[in-house]
Amino acid sequence: MIDLYTYRTSNGRKASIMLEECGLEYALHIVDITSGEQDSPAFRTINPNGRIPAIVDRDGPDGPGGPDSAPLALFESGAILLYLARKTGAFLPKDEKGRWTAIQWLMWQMGGVGPMLGQAHHFRRAAKVENPYGIERYTNESHRLYGVADRRLADNAYLGGAEYSIADMATFPWMARHEWHATDLNDFPNVKRWYAQLAERPAVQKGMAVPPVADNPIPGLD
């Protein structure tokens, strides 16, 4: 059993999508970041950085009876995806070249898509004082990253290559909020094809609804 500590954010949904894709049993713990629950002493024992998502694998990396079955707490969404891929043997290519190519695109999401699109969210939606420079800078950088993905997907079914992988799971919840980035997917036809394909996956649909949001007609745009 895995305990998932999360909220309705793009980073949080990376973990829930992966858990659903792997078919792993998990218990949901909602950490309301709007009321400061991420700063509670209990949660800080799991993630000293005070951010979601985080998991606790009660059975450890090797499962009950294995050589390493002590509970393991993990934070950082990329680390969680890599851990679950290793635990299940799924969603990373088996060959070394393919594996590292997919990990490369996971790191691209972690180092680029998440931070830059997150800044676009802040300056376009949350800043208390309108900042035209911040809006322009991060909207333009978001569009540049969509362009990088579009060129990659012109010759590849998925970001990591021919196989659906954790690189796609990490990126989808961020690009699900393309309207927040003033992005028209018609301008990025390969991203649009990829996005539609992932949106049809039952596990993606289930993961994007964790935690559930009432009256939310578009997954990810709450």
N, C-alpha and C. Protein backbone atom coordinates (compact mmCIF):
# COMPACT_ATOMS: atom_id res chain seq x y z
N MET A 1 0.85 -1.20 0.00
CA MET A 1 0.00 0.00 0.00
C MET A 1 0.88 1.24 0.00
N ILE A 2 0.47 2.21 -0.80
CA ILE A 2 1.20 3.48 -0.89
C ILE A 2 0.28 4.60 -0.41
N ASP A 3 0.79 5.44 0.45
CA ASP A 3 0.07 6.65 0.87
C ASP A 3 0.48 7.79 -0.04
N LEU A 4 -0.49 8.42 -0.67
CA LEU A 4 -0.25 9.56 -1.56
C LEU A 4 -0.73 10.83 -0.88
N TYR A 5 0.16 11.77 -0.71
CA TYR A 5 -0.15 13.08 -0.14
C TYR A 5 -0.11 14.08 -1.28
N THR A 6 -1.26 14.70 -1.57
CA THR A 6 -1.33 15.50 -2.79
C THR A 6 -2.41 16.57 -2.69
N TYR A 7 -2.47 17.38 -3.73
CA TYR A 7 -3.52 18.38 -3.88
C TYR A 7 -3.77 18.53 -5.38
N ARG A 8 -4.72 19.37 -5.76
CA ARG A 8 -5.09 19.45 -7.17
C ARG A 8 -4.18 20.42 -7.94
N THR A 9 -2.95 20.00 -8.11
CA THR A 9 -1.98 20.76 -8.87
C THR A 9 -1.40 19.87 -9.97
N SER A 10 -0.71 20.49 -10.89
CA SER A 10 -0.10 19.73 -11.98
C SER A 10 0.93 18.75 -11.43
N ASN A 11 1.77 19.19 -10.51
CA ASN A 11 2.76 18.29 -9.95
C ASN A 11 2.10 17.13 -9.19
N GLY A 12 1.06 17.44 -8.44
CA GLY A 12 0.37 16.39 -7.72
C GLY A 12 -0.20 15.33 -8.63
N ARG A 13 -0.70 15.75 -9.76
CA ARG A 13 -1.35 14.81 -10.67
C ARG A 13 -0.37 13.92 -11.43
N LYS A 14 0.89 14.32 -11.47
CA LYS A 14 1.88 13.39 -12.03
C LYS A 14 1.86 12.08 -11.25
N ALA A 15 1.90 12.19 -9.93
CA ALA A 15 1.96 11.00 -9.09
C ALA A 15 0.69 10.17 -9.19
N SER A 16 -0.46 10.81 -9.18
CA SER A 16 -1.72 10.04 -9.22
C SER A 16 -1.89 9.36 -10.58
N ILE A 17 -1.46 10.00 -11.65
CA ILE A 17 -1.52 9.35 -12.96
C ILE A 17 -0.65 8.10 -12.97
N MET A 18 0.57 8.21 -12.46
CA MET A 18 1.47 7.06 -12.44
C MET A 18 0.92 5.93 -11.59
N LEU A 19 0.37 6.25 -10.44
CA LEU A 19 -0.21 5.21 -9.59
C LEU A 19 -1.37 4.52 -10.29
N GLU A 20 -2.18 5.29 -10.99
CA GLU A 20 -3.30 4.69 -11.72
C GLU A 20 -2.79 3.84 -12.89
N GLU A 21 -1.79 4.34 -13.60
CA GLU A 21 -1.25 3.59 -14.73
C GLU A 21 -0.65 2.26 -14.27
N CYS A 22 -0.01 2.26 -13.12
CA CYS A 22 0.63 1.05 -12.60
C CYS A 22 -0.35 0.11 -11.93
N GLY A 23 -1.56 0.59 -11.66
CA GLY A 23 -2.54 -0.23 -10.97
C GLY A 23 -2.18 -0.51 -9.53
N LEU A 24 -1.43 0.39 -8.92
CA LEU A 24 -1.01 0.20 -7.54
C LEU A 24 -2.10 0.68 -6.57
N GLU A 25 -2.26 -0.05 -5.50
CA GLU A 25 -3.21 0.35 -4.48
C GLU A 25 -2.63 1.51 -3.68
N TYR A 26 -3.42 2.55 -3.51
CA TYR A 26 -2.93 3.69 -2.74
C TYR A 26 -4.06 4.33 -1.94
N ALA A 27 -3.64 4.95 -0.84
CA ALA A 27 -4.56 5.69 0.01
C ALA A 27 -4.33 7.19 -0.22
N LEU A 28 -5.39 7.90 -0.46
CA LEU A 28 -5.30 9.33 -0.76
C LEU A 28 -5.37 10.16 0.51
N HIS A 29 -4.41 11.07 0.65
CA HIS A 29 -4.39 12.04 1.75
C HIS A 29 -4.30 13.42 1.12
N ILE A 30 -5.36 14.20 1.25
CA ILE A 30 -5.39 15.53 0.65
C ILE A 30 -4.67 16.51 1.58
N VAL A 31 -3.69 17.19 1.04
CA VAL A 31 -2.95 18.21 1.77
C VAL A 31 -3.40 19.56 1.21
N ASP A 32 -4.24 20.26 1.94
CA ASP A 32 -4.81 21.52 1.45
C ASP A 32 -3.76 22.63 1.54
N ILE A 33 -3.10 22.87 0.42
CA ILE A 33 -2.03 23.87 0.40
C ILE A 33 -2.57 25.29 0.46
N THR A 34 -3.88 25.45 0.26
CA THR A 34 -4.46 26.79 0.37
C THR A 34 -4.66 27.21 1.82
N SER A 35 -4.62 26.23 2.74
CA SER A 35 -4.80 26.56 4.16
C SER A 35 -3.54 26.27 4.98
N GLY A 36 -2.44 25.95 4.29
CA GLY A 36 -1.17 25.78 4.98
C GLY A 36 -0.91 24.41 5.55
N GLU A 37 -1.69 23.40 5.15
CA GLU A 37 -1.48 22.06 5.71
C GLU A 37 -0.11 21.49 5.36
N GLN A 38 0.49 21.99 4.29
CA GLN A 38 1.82 21.51 3.91
C GLN A 38 2.89 21.89 4.92
N ASP A 39 2.57 22.82 5.81
CA ASP A 39 3.54 23.25 6.82
C ASP A 39 3.32 22.57 8.17
N SER A 40 2.39 21.64 8.22
CA SER A 40 2.13 20.97 9.49
C SER A 40 3.31 20.08 9.87
N PRO A 41 3.59 19.93 11.16
CA PRO A 41 4.69 19.06 11.58
C PRO A 41 4.56 17.64 11.05
N ALA A 42 3.34 17.13 10.99
CA ALA A 42 3.14 15.76 10.52
C ALA A 42 3.57 15.61 9.07
N PHE A 43 3.18 16.58 8.23
CA PHE A 43 3.56 16.47 6.82
C PHE A 43 5.04 16.74 6.64
N ARG A 44 5.60 17.64 7.44
CA ARG A 44 7.03 17.94 7.30
C ARG A 44 7.91 16.75 7.66
N THR A 45 7.40 15.81 8.42
CA THR A 45 8.19 14.59 8.67
C THR A 45 8.28 13.73 7.42
N ILE A 46 7.32 13.89 6.52
CA ILE A 46 7.33 13.15 5.26
C ILE A 46 8.10 13.91 4.19
N ASN A 47 7.83 15.21 4.12
CA ASN A 47 8.55 16.07 3.17
C ASN A 47 9.04 17.32 3.89
N PRO A 48 10.31 17.36 4.24
CA PRO A 48 10.83 18.54 4.95
C PRO A 48 10.78 19.81 4.11
N ASN A 49 10.59 19.66 2.79
CA ASN A 49 10.49 20.82 1.91
C ASN A 49 9.08 21.40 1.89
N GLY A 50 8.12 20.68 2.44
CA GLY A 50 6.76 21.21 2.56
C GLY A 50 6.05 21.44 1.24
N ARG A 51 6.20 20.51 0.31
CA ARG A 51 5.53 20.62 -0.99
C ARG A 51 4.88 19.27 -1.32
N ILE A 52 3.83 19.34 -2.14
CA ILE A 52 3.22 18.10 -2.62
C ILE A 52 3.68 17.89 -4.05
N PRO A 53 3.66 16.62 -4.53
CA PRO A 53 3.21 15.42 -3.86
C PRO A 53 4.32 14.78 -3.03
N ALA A 54 3.90 13.86 -2.20
CA ALA A 54 4.82 13.00 -1.48
C ALA A 54 4.13 11.65 -1.33
N ILE A 55 4.93 10.62 -1.17
CA ILE A 55 4.37 9.28 -0.96
C ILE A 55 5.09 8.62 0.21
N VAL A 56 4.40 7.67 0.80
CA VAL A 56 5.02 6.73 1.73
C VAL A 56 4.67 5.33 1.23
N ASP A 57 5.69 4.59 0.83
CA ASP A 57 5.49 3.20 0.43
C ASP A 57 5.62 2.35 1.68
N ARG A 58 4.50 1.92 2.19
CA ARG A 58 4.50 1.19 3.46
C ARG A 58 5.29 -0.12 3.38
N ASP A 59 5.37 -0.69 2.17
CA ASP A 59 6.02 -1.98 1.99
C ASP A 59 7.48 -1.86 1.56
N GLY A 60 7.96 -0.63 1.38
CA GLY A 60 9.34 -0.45 0.96
C GLY A 60 9.57 -0.84 -0.49
N PRO A 61 10.78 -0.64 -0.99
CA PRO A 61 11.07 -0.89 -2.41
C PRO A 61 10.84 -2.32 -2.85
N ASP A 62 11.07 -3.30 -1.97
CA ASP A 62 11.02 -4.70 -2.38
C ASP A 62 9.75 -5.42 -1.95
N GLY A 63 8.85 -4.72 -1.28
CA GLY A 63 7.59 -5.35 -0.89
C GLY A 63 7.70 -6.22 0.34
N PRO A 64 6.56 -6.69 0.84
CA PRO A 64 6.55 -7.50 2.06
C PRO A 64 7.46 -8.73 1.93
N GLY A 65 8.28 -8.92 2.92
CA GLY A 65 9.16 -10.08 2.92
C GLY A 65 10.43 -9.91 2.12
N GLY A 66 10.56 -8.78 1.42
CA GLY A 66 11.74 -8.55 0.62
C GLY A 66 12.91 -8.08 1.47
N PRO A 67 14.09 -8.03 0.86
CA PRO A 67 15.27 -7.61 1.63
C PRO A 67 15.21 -6.15 2.07
N ASP A 68 14.41 -5.35 1.36
CA ASP A 68 14.28 -3.94 1.74
C ASP A 68 12.79 -3.60 1.79
N SER A 69 12.17 -3.99 2.89
CA SER A 69 10.72 -3.83 3.02
C SER A 69 10.34 -2.79 4.06
N ALA A 70 11.30 -2.02 4.53
CA ALA A 70 10.99 -0.95 5.48
C ALA A 70 10.27 0.17 4.75
N PRO A 71 9.30 0.84 5.39
CA PRO A 71 8.59 1.94 4.73
C PRO A 71 9.54 3.01 4.22
N LEU A 72 9.19 3.58 3.09
CA LEU A 72 10.02 4.60 2.45
C LEU A 72 9.17 5.82 2.13
N ALA A 73 9.59 6.98 2.61
CA ALA A 73 8.93 8.24 2.27
C ALA A 73 9.73 8.92 1.17
N LEU A 74 9.02 9.45 0.17
CA LEU A 74 9.66 10.13 -0.95
C LEU A 74 8.92 11.42 -1.28
N PHE A 75 9.69 12.46 -1.57
CA PHE A 75 9.10 13.67 -2.12
C PHE A 75 9.82 14.01 -3.43
N GLU A 76 9.35 15.05 -4.11
CA GLU A 76 9.74 15.46 -5.46
C GLU A 76 9.08 14.53 -6.48
N SER A 77 8.24 15.14 -7.33
CA SER A 77 7.42 14.35 -8.25
C SER A 77 8.25 13.52 -9.21
N GLY A 78 9.37 14.05 -9.69
CA GLY A 78 10.21 13.28 -10.60
C GLY A 78 10.80 12.05 -9.93
N ALA A 79 11.24 12.21 -8.68
CA ALA A 79 11.78 11.07 -7.94
C ALA A 79 10.69 10.02 -7.70
N ILE A 80 9.48 10.47 -7.43
CA ILE A 80 8.37 9.53 -7.23
C ILE A 80 8.11 8.73 -8.50
N LEU A 81 8.10 9.40 -9.65
CA LEU A 81 7.86 8.69 -10.91
C LEU A 81 8.96 7.68 -11.18
N LEU A 82 10.21 8.06 -10.97
CA LEU A 82 11.32 7.13 -11.19
C LEU A 82 11.24 5.94 -10.23
N TYR A 83 10.89 6.21 -8.99
CA TYR A 83 10.78 5.14 -8.00
C TYR A 83 9.70 4.14 -8.40
N LEU A 84 8.53 4.65 -8.77
CA LEU A 84 7.43 3.75 -9.13
C LEU A 84 7.73 2.99 -10.41
N ALA A 85 8.46 3.63 -11.34
CA ALA A 85 8.86 2.92 -12.55
C ALA A 85 9.81 1.77 -12.21
N ARG A 86 10.72 2.02 -11.29
CA ARG A 86 11.65 0.96 -10.87
C ARG A 86 10.91 -0.13 -10.12
N LYS A 87 9.98 0.25 -9.27
CA LYS A 87 9.26 -0.72 -8.43
C LYS A 87 8.42 -1.66 -9.29
N THR A 88 7.81 -1.13 -10.33
CA THR A 88 6.89 -1.91 -11.15
C THR A 88 7.53 -2.45 -12.43
N GLY A 89 8.67 -1.90 -12.81
CA GLY A 89 9.28 -2.28 -14.09
C GLY A 89 8.50 -1.77 -15.28
N ALA A 90 7.76 -0.68 -15.11
CA ALA A 90 6.88 -0.18 -16.17
C ALA A 90 7.15 1.30 -16.46
N PHE A 91 6.85 1.68 -17.70
CA PHE A 91 6.84 3.06 -18.14
C PHE A 91 8.21 3.72 -18.22
N LEU A 92 9.24 2.89 -18.34
CA LEU A 92 10.56 3.32 -18.78
C LEU A 92 11.08 2.25 -19.73
N PRO A 93 11.64 2.64 -20.87
CA PRO A 93 12.17 1.62 -21.79
C PRO A 93 13.19 0.73 -21.12
N LYS A 94 13.26 -0.50 -21.56
CA LYS A 94 14.19 -1.45 -20.98
C LYS A 94 15.62 -1.27 -21.51
N ASP A 95 15.77 -0.83 -22.76
CA ASP A 95 17.11 -0.64 -23.31
C ASP A 95 17.71 0.65 -22.75
N GLU A 96 19.02 0.67 -22.59
CA GLU A 96 19.69 1.79 -21.94
C GLU A 96 19.50 3.10 -22.70
N LYS A 97 19.64 3.06 -24.02
CA LYS A 97 19.47 4.30 -24.79
C LYS A 97 18.06 4.87 -24.63
N GLY A 98 17.07 3.99 -24.76
CA GLY A 98 15.69 4.44 -24.62
C GLY A 98 15.39 4.93 -23.22
N ARG A 99 15.96 4.24 -22.23
CA ARG A 99 15.73 4.61 -20.84
C ARG A 99 16.25 6.02 -20.57
N TRP A 100 17.48 6.27 -20.97
CA TRP A 100 18.07 7.58 -20.69
C TRP A 100 17.45 8.69 -21.53
N THR A 101 16.97 8.34 -22.70
CA THR A 101 16.26 9.34 -23.51
C THR A 101 14.98 9.76 -22.81
N ALA A 102 14.24 8.80 -22.28
CA ALA A 102 13.01 9.14 -21.55
C ALA A 102 13.32 9.93 -20.29
N ILE A 103 14.37 9.53 -19.56
CA ILE A 103 14.74 10.27 -18.35
C ILE A 103 15.16 11.70 -18.71
N GLN A 104 15.83 11.86 -19.84
CA GLN A 104 16.21 13.20 -20.31
C GLN A 104 14.99 14.09 -20.47
N TRP A 105 13.93 13.55 -21.05
CA TRP A 105 12.72 14.36 -21.25
C TRP A 105 11.96 14.55 -19.95
N LEU A 106 12.09 13.62 -19.01
CA LEU A 106 11.54 13.85 -17.67
C LEU A 106 12.26 15.03 -17.02
N MET A 107 13.58 15.09 -17.14
CA MET A 107 14.34 16.19 -16.57
C MET A 107 14.01 17.51 -17.26
N TRP A 108 13.73 17.45 -18.56
CA TRP A 108 13.29 18.65 -19.29
C TRP A 108 12.00 19.19 -18.68
N GLN A 109 11.09 18.29 -18.34
CA GLN A 109 9.86 18.75 -17.69
C GLN A 109 10.16 19.32 -16.32
N MET A 110 10.98 18.64 -15.55
CA MET A 110 11.27 19.08 -14.19
C MET A 110 12.00 20.42 -14.16
N GLY A 111 12.95 20.60 -15.09
CA GLY A 111 13.76 21.80 -15.07
C GLY A 111 13.23 22.94 -15.89
N GLY A 112 12.30 22.65 -16.83
CA GLY A 112 11.82 23.68 -17.73
C GLY A 112 10.32 23.87 -17.68
N VAL A 113 9.59 22.84 -18.11
CA VAL A 113 8.13 22.97 -18.24
C VAL A 113 7.48 23.34 -16.91
N GLY A 114 7.81 22.61 -15.85
CA GLY A 114 7.18 22.91 -14.56
C GLY A 114 7.47 24.30 -14.06
N PRO A 115 8.76 24.66 -13.90
CA PRO A 115 9.07 26.00 -13.38
C PRO A 115 8.57 27.14 -14.26
N MET A 116 8.74 27.02 -15.58
CA MET A 116 8.39 28.14 -16.45
C MET A 116 6.88 28.29 -16.61
N LEU A 117 6.18 27.17 -16.81
CA LEU A 117 4.73 27.26 -16.90
C LEU A 117 4.12 27.66 -15.56
N GLY A 118 4.78 27.24 -14.47
CA GLY A 118 4.33 27.66 -13.15
C GLY A 118 4.45 29.16 -12.96
N GLN A 119 5.52 29.74 -13.46
CA GLN A 119 5.67 31.19 -13.39
C GLN A 119 4.62 31.90 -14.26
N ALA A 120 4.31 31.29 -15.41
CA ALA A 120 3.23 31.86 -16.24
C ALA A 120 1.92 31.85 -15.47
N HIS A 121 1.65 30.75 -14.75
CA HIS A 121 0.44 30.70 -13.92
C HIS A 121 0.43 31.86 -12.93
N HIS A 122 1.58 32.06 -12.28
CA HIS A 122 1.64 33.09 -11.24
C HIS A 122 1.40 34.48 -11.83
N PHE A 123 2.15 34.85 -12.84
CA PHE A 123 2.06 36.22 -13.34
C PHE A 123 0.77 36.47 -14.12
N ARG A 124 0.21 35.43 -14.74
CA ARG A 124 -1.02 35.64 -15.51
C ARG A 124 -2.27 35.54 -14.64
N ARG A 125 -2.19 34.82 -13.48
CA ARG A 125 -3.40 34.53 -12.74
C ARG A 125 -3.37 34.94 -11.27
N ALA A 126 -2.18 34.95 -10.64
CA ALA A 126 -2.13 35.07 -9.18
C ALA A 126 -1.43 36.30 -8.66
N ALA A 127 -0.64 36.97 -9.47
CA ALA A 127 0.12 38.12 -8.97
C ALA A 127 -0.83 39.20 -8.45
N LYS A 128 -0.50 39.75 -7.30
CA LYS A 128 -1.37 40.76 -6.70
C LYS A 128 -1.30 42.09 -7.45
N VAL A 129 -0.17 42.32 -8.11
CA VAL A 129 0.00 43.52 -8.93
C VAL A 129 0.37 43.06 -10.33
N GLU A 130 -0.33 43.57 -11.32
CA GLU A 130 -0.04 43.17 -12.70
C GLU A 130 1.40 43.54 -13.07
N ASN A 131 2.09 42.60 -13.64
CA ASN A 131 3.49 42.77 -14.02
C ASN A 131 3.64 42.41 -15.49
N PRO A 132 3.56 43.40 -16.40
CA PRO A 132 3.62 43.10 -17.83
C PRO A 132 4.91 42.39 -18.24
N TYR A 133 6.02 42.75 -17.61
CA TYR A 133 7.27 42.09 -17.95
C TYR A 133 7.22 40.61 -17.60
N GLY A 134 6.75 40.28 -16.40
CA GLY A 134 6.66 38.89 -15.98
C GLY A 134 5.69 38.11 -16.86
N ILE A 135 4.55 38.72 -17.20
CA ILE A 135 3.58 38.06 -18.06
C ILE A 135 4.21 37.74 -19.42
N GLU A 136 4.87 38.73 -20.01
CA GLU A 136 5.46 38.52 -21.33
C GLU A 136 6.59 37.49 -21.28
N ARG A 137 7.47 37.62 -20.29
CA ARG A 137 8.63 36.72 -20.21
C ARG A 137 8.21 35.26 -20.08
N TYR A 138 7.30 34.98 -19.17
CA TYR A 138 6.98 33.58 -18.90
C TYR A 138 5.95 33.03 -19.88
N THR A 139 5.11 33.86 -20.45
CA THR A 139 4.23 33.39 -21.52
C THR A 139 5.07 33.02 -22.74
N ASN A 140 6.03 33.87 -23.09
CA ASN A 140 6.89 33.57 -24.24
C ASN A 140 7.71 32.30 -24.00
N GLU A 141 8.22 32.14 -22.80
CA GLU A 141 9.01 30.94 -22.50
C GLU A 141 8.12 29.70 -22.52
N SER A 142 6.89 29.83 -22.07
CA SER A 142 5.97 28.70 -22.15
C SER A 142 5.75 28.30 -23.60
N HIS A 143 5.52 29.29 -24.45
CA HIS A 143 5.32 28.99 -25.88
C HIS A 143 6.56 28.36 -26.49
N ARG A 144 7.73 28.80 -26.07
CA ARG A 144 8.97 28.20 -26.59
C ARG A 144 9.02 26.71 -26.23
N LEU A 145 8.63 26.38 -24.99
CA LEU A 145 8.67 25.00 -24.55
C LEU A 145 7.63 24.15 -25.28
N TYR A 146 6.46 24.71 -25.54
CA TYR A 146 5.50 23.99 -26.37
C TYR A 146 6.10 23.70 -27.74
N GLY A 147 6.87 24.65 -28.26
CA GLY A 147 7.52 24.45 -29.55
C GLY A 147 8.56 23.35 -29.52
N VAL A 148 9.32 23.29 -28.43
CA VAL A 148 10.30 22.21 -28.27
C VAL A 148 9.58 20.85 -28.29
N ALA A 149 8.49 20.75 -27.53
CA ALA A 149 7.73 19.50 -27.51
C ALA A 149 7.14 19.19 -28.88
N ASP A 150 6.65 20.20 -29.58
CA ASP A 150 6.04 19.98 -30.88
C ASP A 150 7.04 19.43 -31.88
N ARG A 151 8.25 19.96 -31.87
CA ARG A 151 9.28 19.45 -32.77
C ARG A 151 9.69 18.03 -32.40
N ARG A 152 9.78 17.74 -31.13
CA ARG A 152 10.10 16.39 -30.69
C ARG A 152 9.03 15.41 -31.13
N LEU A 153 7.78 15.80 -30.99
CA LEU A 153 6.66 14.90 -31.28
C LEU A 153 6.35 14.80 -32.77
N ALA A 154 7.02 15.60 -33.58
CA ALA A 154 6.84 15.49 -35.03
C ALA A 154 7.33 14.15 -35.54
N ASP A 155 8.37 13.61 -34.89
CA ASP A 155 8.98 12.36 -35.35
C ASP A 155 8.90 11.25 -34.32
N ASN A 156 8.20 11.49 -33.22
CA ASN A 156 8.10 10.50 -32.15
C ASN A 156 6.67 10.46 -31.62
N ALA A 157 6.21 9.27 -31.32
CA ALA A 157 4.85 9.15 -30.78
C ALA A 157 4.74 9.80 -29.41
N TYR A 158 5.82 9.68 -28.64
CA TYR A 158 5.83 10.19 -27.27
C TYR A 158 7.11 10.97 -27.01
N LEU A 159 7.16 11.68 -25.92
CA LEU A 159 8.33 12.51 -25.64
C LEU A 159 9.61 11.68 -25.52
N GLY A 160 9.51 10.50 -24.91
CA GLY A 160 10.68 9.66 -24.76
C GLY A 160 11.04 8.87 -26.00
N GLY A 161 10.14 8.82 -26.98
CA GLY A 161 10.38 8.05 -28.20
C GLY A 161 9.13 7.28 -28.59
N ALA A 162 9.31 6.00 -28.87
CA ALA A 162 8.20 5.19 -29.35
C ALA A 162 7.27 4.73 -28.22
N GLU A 163 7.77 4.75 -26.98
CA GLU A 163 6.99 4.23 -25.85
C GLU A 163 6.45 5.34 -24.96
N TYR A 164 5.24 5.16 -24.53
CA TYR A 164 4.64 6.02 -23.49
C TYR A 164 5.42 5.82 -22.20
N SER A 165 5.77 6.92 -21.54
CA SER A 165 6.64 6.80 -20.37
C SER A 165 6.31 7.85 -19.33
N ILE A 166 7.09 7.81 -18.25
CA ILE A 166 6.91 8.79 -17.19
C ILE A 166 7.19 10.21 -17.66
N ALA A 167 7.93 10.38 -18.75
CA ALA A 167 8.15 11.73 -19.30
C ALA A 167 6.83 12.34 -19.76
N ASP A 168 5.99 11.53 -20.37
CA ASP A 168 4.67 12.00 -20.81
C ASP A 168 3.76 12.28 -19.62
N MET A 169 3.79 11.39 -18.64
CA MET A 169 2.95 11.59 -17.45
C MET A 169 3.32 12.86 -16.71
N ALA A 170 4.61 13.20 -16.70
CA ALA A 170 5.05 14.40 -16.01
C ALA A 170 4.62 15.67 -16.73
N THR A 171 4.58 15.61 -18.05
CA THR A 171 4.32 16.81 -18.86
C THR A 171 2.84 17.07 -19.06
N PHE A 172 2.05 16.02 -19.20
CA PHE A 172 0.63 16.19 -19.52
C PHE A 172 -0.12 17.09 -18.55
N PRO A 173 0.01 16.90 -17.23
CA PRO A 173 -0.80 17.74 -16.33
C PRO A 173 -0.48 19.23 -16.45
N TRP A 174 0.73 19.56 -16.85
CA TRP A 174 1.07 20.97 -17.06
C TRP A 174 0.46 21.49 -18.35
N MET A 175 0.54 20.71 -19.41
CA MET A 175 -0.03 21.17 -20.68
C MET A 175 -1.54 21.04 -20.71
N ALA A 176 -2.12 20.33 -19.73
CA ALA A 176 -3.57 20.32 -19.60
C ALA A 176 -4.10 21.71 -19.27
N ARG A 177 -3.22 22.57 -18.78
CA ARG A 177 -3.60 23.94 -18.44
C ARG A 177 -3.16 24.92 -19.52
N HIS A 178 -3.18 24.48 -20.77
CA HIS A 178 -2.68 25.32 -21.86
C HIS A 178 -3.42 26.64 -21.95
N GLU A 179 -4.68 26.67 -21.57
CA GLU A 179 -5.42 27.94 -21.61
C GLU A 179 -4.83 28.93 -20.62
N TRP A 180 -4.27 28.43 -19.52
CA TRP A 180 -3.64 29.32 -18.54
C TRP A 180 -2.38 29.97 -19.12
N HIS A 181 -1.81 29.36 -20.15
CA HIS A 181 -0.56 29.88 -20.75
C HIS A 181 -0.84 30.67 -22.02
N ALA A 182 -2.14 30.97 -22.27
CA ALA A 182 -2.53 31.66 -23.50
C ALA A 182 -2.02 30.90 -24.71
N THR A 183 -2.15 29.57 -24.66
CA THR A 183 -1.63 28.71 -25.71
C THR A 183 -2.78 28.04 -26.45
N ASP A 184 -2.78 28.17 -27.77
CA ASP A 184 -3.73 27.49 -28.63
C ASP A 184 -3.05 26.24 -29.17
N LEU A 185 -3.54 25.08 -28.82
CA LEU A 185 -2.90 23.84 -29.27
C LEU A 185 -2.94 23.68 -30.78
N ASN A 186 -3.81 24.41 -31.45
CA ASN A 186 -3.81 24.37 -32.92
C ASN A 186 -2.50 24.91 -33.49
N ASP A 187 -1.80 25.72 -32.70
CA ASP A 187 -0.51 26.24 -33.14
C ASP A 187 0.61 25.21 -32.98
N PHE A 188 0.30 24.12 -32.27
CA PHE A 188 1.29 23.07 -32.01
C PHE A 188 0.63 21.72 -32.32
N PRO A 189 0.47 21.40 -33.61
CA PRO A 189 -0.34 20.24 -33.99
C PRO A 189 0.17 18.91 -33.46
N ASN A 190 1.47 18.77 -33.30
CA ASN A 190 1.99 17.51 -32.78
C ASN A 190 1.71 17.37 -31.29
N VAL A 191 1.81 18.48 -30.56
CA VAL A 191 1.41 18.47 -29.15
C VAL A 191 -0.08 18.18 -29.04
N LYS A 192 -0.86 18.77 -29.93
CA LYS A 192 -2.31 18.55 -29.89
C LYS A 192 -2.64 17.07 -30.10
N ARG A 193 -1.97 16.42 -31.04
CA ARG A 193 -2.19 14.99 -31.28
C ARG A 193 -1.81 14.17 -30.05
N TRP A 194 -0.63 14.46 -29.51
CA TRP A 194 -0.14 13.76 -28.31
C TRP A 194 -1.08 13.99 -27.13
N TYR A 195 -1.50 15.22 -26.94
CA TYR A 195 -2.38 15.57 -25.83
C TYR A 195 -3.70 14.81 -25.91
N ALA A 196 -4.29 14.78 -27.11
CA ALA A 196 -5.56 14.09 -27.28
C ALA A 196 -5.41 12.59 -27.02
N GLN A 197 -4.29 12.04 -27.45
CA GLN A 197 -4.03 10.61 -27.25
C GLN A 197 -3.92 10.28 -25.77
N LEU A 198 -3.18 11.09 -25.02
CA LEU A 198 -3.04 10.83 -23.59
C LEU A 198 -4.35 11.06 -22.85
N ALA A 199 -5.11 12.06 -23.28
CA ALA A 199 -6.36 12.39 -22.60
C ALA A 199 -7.38 11.26 -22.69
N GLU A 200 -7.20 10.36 -23.65
CA GLU A 200 -8.11 9.23 -23.82
C GLU A 200 -7.75 8.05 -22.91
N ARG A 201 -6.58 8.09 -22.31
CA ARG A 201 -6.16 6.95 -21.48
C ARG A 201 -6.97 6.95 -20.18
N PRO A 202 -7.62 5.84 -19.83
CA PRO A 202 -8.42 5.79 -18.60
C PRO A 202 -7.64 6.15 -17.35
N ALA A 203 -6.38 5.69 -17.26
CA ALA A 203 -5.59 5.99 -16.06
C ALA A 203 -5.26 7.47 -15.97
N VAL A 204 -5.05 8.12 -17.11
CA VAL A 204 -4.81 9.56 -17.10
C VAL A 204 -6.06 10.29 -16.62
N GLN A 205 -7.21 9.88 -17.12
CA GLN A 205 -8.46 10.51 -16.69
C GLN A 205 -8.68 10.34 -15.20
N LYS A 206 -8.41 9.14 -14.69
CA LYS A 206 -8.58 8.90 -13.26
C LYS A 206 -7.56 9.70 -12.44
N GLY A 207 -6.31 9.71 -12.90
CA GLY A 207 -5.28 10.44 -12.16
C GLY A 207 -5.51 11.93 -12.15
N MET A 208 -6.06 12.46 -13.22
CA MET A 208 -6.34 13.89 -13.29
C MET A 208 -7.51 14.29 -12.40
N ALA A 209 -8.27 13.33 -11.95
CA ALA A 209 -9.41 13.60 -11.06
C ALA A 209 -9.06 13.37 -9.59
N VAL A 210 -7.77 13.29 -9.29
CA VAL A 210 -7.29 13.10 -7.91
C VAL A 210 -6.55 14.35 -7.46
N PRO A 211 -6.99 14.99 -6.39
CA PRO A 211 -8.26 14.80 -5.69
C PRO A 211 -9.43 15.24 -6.57
N PRO A 212 -10.62 14.72 -6.30
CA PRO A 212 -11.76 15.09 -7.13
C PRO A 212 -12.12 16.56 -6.97
N VAL A 213 -12.55 17.15 -8.06
CA VAL A 213 -12.98 18.55 -8.06
C VAL A 213 -14.39 18.60 -8.59
N ALA A 214 -15.30 19.12 -7.81
CA ALA A 214 -16.70 19.18 -8.22
C ALA A 214 -16.90 20.18 -9.35
N ASP A 215 -17.77 19.81 -10.28
CA ASP A 215 -18.18 20.70 -11.36
C ASP A 215 -17.00 21.23 -12.17
N ASN A 216 -16.05 20.36 -12.44
CA ASN A 216 -14.88 20.75 -13.23
C ASN A 216 -14.98 20.08 -14.58
N PRO A 217 -15.43 20.80 -15.62
CA PRO A 217 -15.69 20.14 -16.90
C PRO A 217 -14.42 19.79 -17.68
N ILE A 218 -13.31 20.42 -17.40
CA ILE A 218 -12.08 20.18 -18.15
C ILE A 218 -11.02 19.69 -17.17
N PRO A 219 -10.60 18.43 -17.27
CA PRO A 219 -9.60 17.92 -16.32
C PRO A 219 -8.35 18.78 -16.31
N GLY A 220 -7.93 19.14 -15.12
CA GLY A 220 -6.70 19.92 -14.98
C GLY A 220 -6.92 21.41 -14.94
N LEU A 221 -8.11 21.88 -15.33
CA LEU A 221 -8.32 23.32 -15.39
C LEU A 221 -9.25 23.76 -14.26
N ASP A 222 -8.86 23.42 -13.04
CA ASP A 222 -9.69 23.80 -11.88
C ASP A 222 -9.19 25.09 -11.28
